[in-house]
PDB file of N, CA and C in Angstrom:
ATOM      1  N   UNK A   1     260.009-115.586  84.909  1.00  0.00           N
ATOM      2  CA  UNK A   1     259.206-115.165  83.761  1.00  0.00           C
ATOM      3  C   UNK A   1     259.932-115.432  82.447  1.00  0.00           C
ATOM      4  N   UNK A   2     261.222-115.113  82.412  1.00  0.00           N
ATOM      5  CA  UNK A   2     261.984-115.307  81.168  1.00  0.00           C
ATOM      6  C   UNK A   2     262.117-116.790  80.816  1.00  0.00           C
ATOM      7  N   UNK A   3     262.159-117.638  81.843  1.00  0.00           N
ATOM      8  CA  UNK A   3     262.252-119.090  81.613  1.00  0.00           C
ATOM      9  C   UNK A   3     260.977-119.576  80.914  1.00  0.00           C
ATOM     10  N   UNK A   4     259.825-119.084  81.389  1.00  0.00           N
ATOM     11  CA  UNK A   4     258.537-119.470  80.797  1.00  0.00           C
ATOM     12  C   UNK A   4     258.480-119.009  79.342  1.00  0.00           C
ATOM     13  N   UNK A   5     258.921-117.783  79.097  1.00  0.00           N
ATOM     14  CA  UNK A   5     258.920-117.264  77.721  1.00  0.00           C
ATOM     15  C   UNK A   5     259.834-118.093  76.825  1.00  0.00           C
ATOM     16  N   UNK A   6     260.972-118.492  77.360  1.00  0.00           N
ATOM     17  CA  UNK A   6     261.904-119.333  76.607  1.00  0.00           C
ATOM     18  C   UNK A   6     261.288-120.674  76.251  1.00  0.00           C
ATOM     19  N   UNK A   7     260.614-121.278  77.228  1.00  0.00           N
ATOM     20  CA  UNK A   7     259.942-122.563  76.983  1.00  0.00           C
ATOM     21  C   UNK A   7     258.850-122.413  75.936  1.00  0.00           C
ATOM     22  N   UNK A   8     258.084-121.331  76.024  1.00  0.00           N
ATOM     23  CA  UNK A   8     257.026-121.083  75.043  1.00  0.00           C
ATOM     24  C   UNK A   8     257.610-120.930  73.643  1.00  0.00           C
ATOM     25  N   UNK A   9     258.725-120.217  73.548  1.00  0.00           N
ATOM     26  CA  UNK A   9     259.377-120.026  72.249  1.00  0.00           C
ATOM     27  C   UNK A   9     259.838-121.361  71.673  1.00  0.00           C
ATOM     28  N   UNK A  10     260.428-122.201  72.521  1.00  0.00           N
ATOM     29  CA  UNK A  10     260.903-123.523  72.079  1.00  0.00           C
ATOM     30  C   UNK A  10     259.725-124.384  71.627  1.00  0.00           C
ATOM     31  N   UNK A  11     258.646-124.382  72.416  1.00  0.00           N
ATOM     32  CA  UNK A  11     257.464-125.182  72.078  1.00  0.00           C
ATOM     33  C   UNK A  11     256.841-124.723  70.765  1.00  0.00           C
ATOM     34  N   UNK A  12     256.745-123.412  70.570  1.00  0.00           N
ATOM     35  CA  UNK A  12     256.151-122.905  69.334  1.00  0.00           C
ATOM     36  C   UNK A  12     257.028-123.237  68.135  1.00  0.00           C
ATOM     37  N   UNK A  13     258.355-123.195  68.323  1.00  0.00           N
ATOM     38  CA  UNK A  13     259.275-123.553  67.243  1.00  0.00           C
ATOM     39  C   UNK A  13     259.116-125.027  66.877  1.00  0.00           C
ATOM     40  N   UNK A  14     259.007-125.888  67.884  1.00  0.00           N
ATOM     41  CA  UNK A  14     258.818-127.326  67.644  1.00  0.00           C
ATOM     42  C   UNK A  14     257.482-127.562  66.939  1.00  0.00           C
ATOM     43  N   UNK A  15     256.444-126.878  67.383  1.00  0.00           N
ATOM     44  CA  UNK A  15     255.125-127.012  66.771  1.00  0.00           C
ATOM     45  C   UNK A  15     255.148-126.604  65.311  1.00  0.00           C
ATOM     46  N   UNK A  16     255.807-125.490  65.025  1.00  0.00           N
ATOM     47  CA  UNK A  16     255.911-124.996  63.648  1.00  0.00           C
ATOM     48  C   UNK A  16     256.662-125.998  62.787  1.00  0.00           C
ATOM     49  N   UNK A  17     257.779-126.498  63.304  1.00  0.00           N
ATOM     50  CA  UNK A  17     258.610-127.453  62.565  1.00  0.00           C
ATOM     51  C   UNK A  17     257.833-128.729  62.259  1.00  0.00           C
ATOM     52  N   UNK A  18     257.125-129.258  63.259  1.00  0.00           N
ATOM     53  CA  UNK A  18     256.355-130.490  63.052  1.00  0.00           C
ATOM     54  C   UNK A  18     255.209-130.254  62.074  1.00  0.00           C
ATOM     55  N   UNK A  19     254.597-129.073  62.124  1.00  0.00           N
ATOM     56  CA  UNK A  19     253.516-128.749  61.191  1.00  0.00           C
ATOM     57  C   UNK A  19     254.040-128.726  59.756  1.00  0.00           C
ATOM     58  N   UNK A  20     255.228-128.139  59.558  1.00  0.00           N
ATOM     59  CA  UNK A  20     255.844-128.097  58.223  1.00  0.00           C
ATOM     60  C   UNK A  20     256.153-129.514  57.751  1.00  0.00           C
ATOM     61  N   UNK A  21     256.695-130.336  58.640  1.00  0.00           N
ATOM     62  CA  UNK A  21     257.011-131.729  58.291  1.00  0.00           C
ATOM     63  C   UNK A  21     255.758-132.500  57.893  1.00  0.00           C
ATOM     64  N   UNK A  22     254.703-132.360  58.686  1.00  0.00           N
ATOM     65  CA  UNK A  22     253.443-133.065  58.411  1.00  0.00           C
ATOM     66  C   UNK A  22     252.891-132.611  57.064  1.00  0.00           C
ATOM     67  N   UNK A  23     252.964-131.301  56.803  1.00  0.00           N
ATOM     68  CA  UNK A  23     252.440-130.761  55.546  1.00  0.00           C
ATOM     69  C   UNK A  23     253.204-131.322  54.353  1.00  0.00           C
ATOM     70  N   UNK A  24     254.531-131.361  54.448  1.00  0.00           N
ATOM     71  CA  UNK A  24     255.338-131.863  53.328  1.00  0.00           C
ATOM     72  C   UNK A  24     255.081-133.348  53.101  1.00  0.00           C
ATOM     73  N   UNK A  25     254.912-134.113  54.187  1.00  0.00           N
ATOM     74  CA  UNK A  25     254.613-135.545  54.057  1.00  0.00           C
ATOM     75  C   UNK A  25     253.252-135.748  53.407  1.00  0.00           C
ATOM     76  N   UNK A  26     252.275-134.932  53.789  1.00  0.00           N
ATOM     77  CA  UNK A  26     250.931-135.032  53.214  1.00  0.00           C
ATOM     78  C   UNK A  26     250.972-134.711  51.720  1.00  0.00           C
ATOM     79  N   UNK A  27     251.752-133.683  51.350  1.00  0.00           N
ATOM     80  CA  UNK A  27     251.869-133.323  49.935  1.00  0.00           C
ATOM     81  C   UNK A  27     252.502-134.454  49.141  1.00  0.00           C
ATOM     82  N   UNK A  28     253.515-135.096  49.696  1.00  0.00           N
ATOM     83  CA  UNK A  28     254.158-136.235  49.026  1.00  0.00           C
ATOM     84  C   UNK A  28     253.159-137.366  48.827  1.00  0.00           C
ATOM     85  N   UNK A  29     252.361-137.635  49.868  1.00  0.00           N
ATOM     86  CA  UNK A  29     251.360-138.700  49.782  1.00  0.00           C
ATOM     87  C   UNK A  29     250.336-138.399  48.703  1.00  0.00           C
ATOM     88  N   UNK A  30     249.889-137.140  48.640  1.00  0.00           N
ATOM     89  CA  UNK A  30     248.904-136.737  47.633  1.00  0.00           C
ATOM     90  C   UNK A  30     249.498-136.902  46.237  1.00  0.00           C
ATOM     91  N   UNK A  31     250.760-136.505  46.072  1.00  0.00           N
ATOM     92  CA  UNK A  31     251.427-136.642  44.774  1.00  0.00           C
ATOM     93  C   UNK A  31     251.506-138.111  44.363  1.00  0.00           C
ATOM     94  N   UNK A  32     251.859-138.975  45.308  1.00  0.00           N
ATOM     95  CA  UNK A  32     251.933-140.414  45.027  1.00  0.00           C
ATOM     96  C   UNK A  32     250.565-140.959  44.635  1.00  0.00           C
ATOM     97  N   UNK A  33     249.541-140.517  45.332  1.00  0.00           N
ATOM     98  CA  UNK A  33     248.192-140.977  45.051  1.00  0.00           C
ATOM     99  C   UNK A  33     247.760-140.549  43.652  1.00  0.00           C
ATOM    100  N   UNK A  34     248.090-139.300  43.287  1.00  0.00           N
ATOM    101  CA  UNK A  34     247.757-138.803  41.949  1.00  0.00           C
ATOM    102  C   UNK A  34     248.432-139.650  40.877  1.00  0.00           C
ATOM    103  N   UNK A  35     249.708-139.968  41.084  1.00  0.00           N
ATOM    104  CA  UNK A  35     250.436-140.820  40.135  1.00  0.00           C
ATOM    105  C   UNK A  35     249.755-142.173  40.017  1.00  0.00           C
ATOM    106  N   UNK A  36     249.360-142.724  41.151  1.00  0.00           N
ATOM    107  CA  UNK A  36     248.715-144.034  41.191  1.00  0.00           C
ATOM    108  C   UNK A  36     247.402-144.002  40.399  1.00  0.00           C
ATOM    109  N   UNK A  37     246.594-142.958  40.642  1.00  0.00           N
ATOM    110  CA  UNK A  37     245.320-142.839  39.938  1.00  0.00           C
ATOM    111  C   UNK A  37     245.532-142.652  38.445  1.00  0.00           C
ATOM    112  N   UNK A  38     246.540-141.855  38.065  1.00  0.00           N
ATOM    113  CA  UNK A  38     246.832-141.645  36.641  1.00  0.00           C
ATOM    114  C   UNK A  38     247.214-142.955  35.975  1.00  0.00           C
ATOM    115  N   UNK A  39     248.029-143.741  36.653  1.00  0.00           N
ATOM    116  CA  UNK A  39     248.441-145.039  36.111  1.00  0.00           C
ATOM    117  C   UNK A  39     247.217-145.933  35.920  1.00  0.00           C
ATOM    118  N   UNK A  40     246.319-145.941  36.892  1.00  0.00           N
ATOM    119  CA  UNK A  40     245.107-146.763  36.788  1.00  0.00           C
ATOM    120  C   UNK A  40     244.228-146.274  35.651  1.00  0.00           C
ATOM    121  N   UNK A  41     244.091-144.957  35.510  1.00  0.00           N
ATOM    122  CA  UNK A  41     243.284-144.396  34.426  1.00  0.00           C
ATOM    123  C   UNK A  41     243.856-144.791  33.073  1.00  0.00           C
ATOM    124  N   UNK A  42     245.172-144.743  32.949  1.00  0.00           N
ATOM    125  CA  UNK A  42     245.822-145.138  31.696  1.00  0.00           C
ATOM    126  C   UNK A  42     245.567-146.604  31.389  1.00  0.00           C
ATOM    127  N   UNK A  43     245.597-147.445  32.410  1.00  0.00           N
ATOM    128  CA  UNK A  43     245.315-148.876  32.221  1.00  0.00           C
ATOM    129  C   UNK A  43     243.889-149.076  31.719  1.00  0.00           C
ATOM    130  N   UNK A  44     242.956-148.323  32.282  1.00  0.00           N
ATOM    131  CA  UNK A  44     241.548-148.445  31.882  1.00  0.00           C
ATOM    132  C   UNK A  44     241.377-147.977  30.430  1.00  0.00           C
ATOM    133  N   UNK A  45     242.041-146.880  30.075  1.00  0.00           N
ATOM    134  CA  UNK A  45     241.951-146.347  28.708  1.00  0.00           C
ATOM    135  C   UNK A  45     242.442-147.362  27.689  1.00  0.00           C
ATOM    136  N   UNK A  46     243.557-148.008  27.989  1.00  0.00           N
ATOM    137  CA  UNK A  46     244.097-148.980  27.036  1.00  0.00           C
ATOM    138  C   UNK A  46     243.366-150.274  27.229  1.00  0.00           C
TER     139      UNK A  46
END
């Protein structure tokens, strides 16, 4: 029983870690996209 609980704890920790990584990567991508759109908008304005 304790082995199963240990495995579950490890799996949940890995899941949490990967979720945090995916979230941070998505935020970086969104930030890059915003910069890209701002640059394009500035080009259109000028």
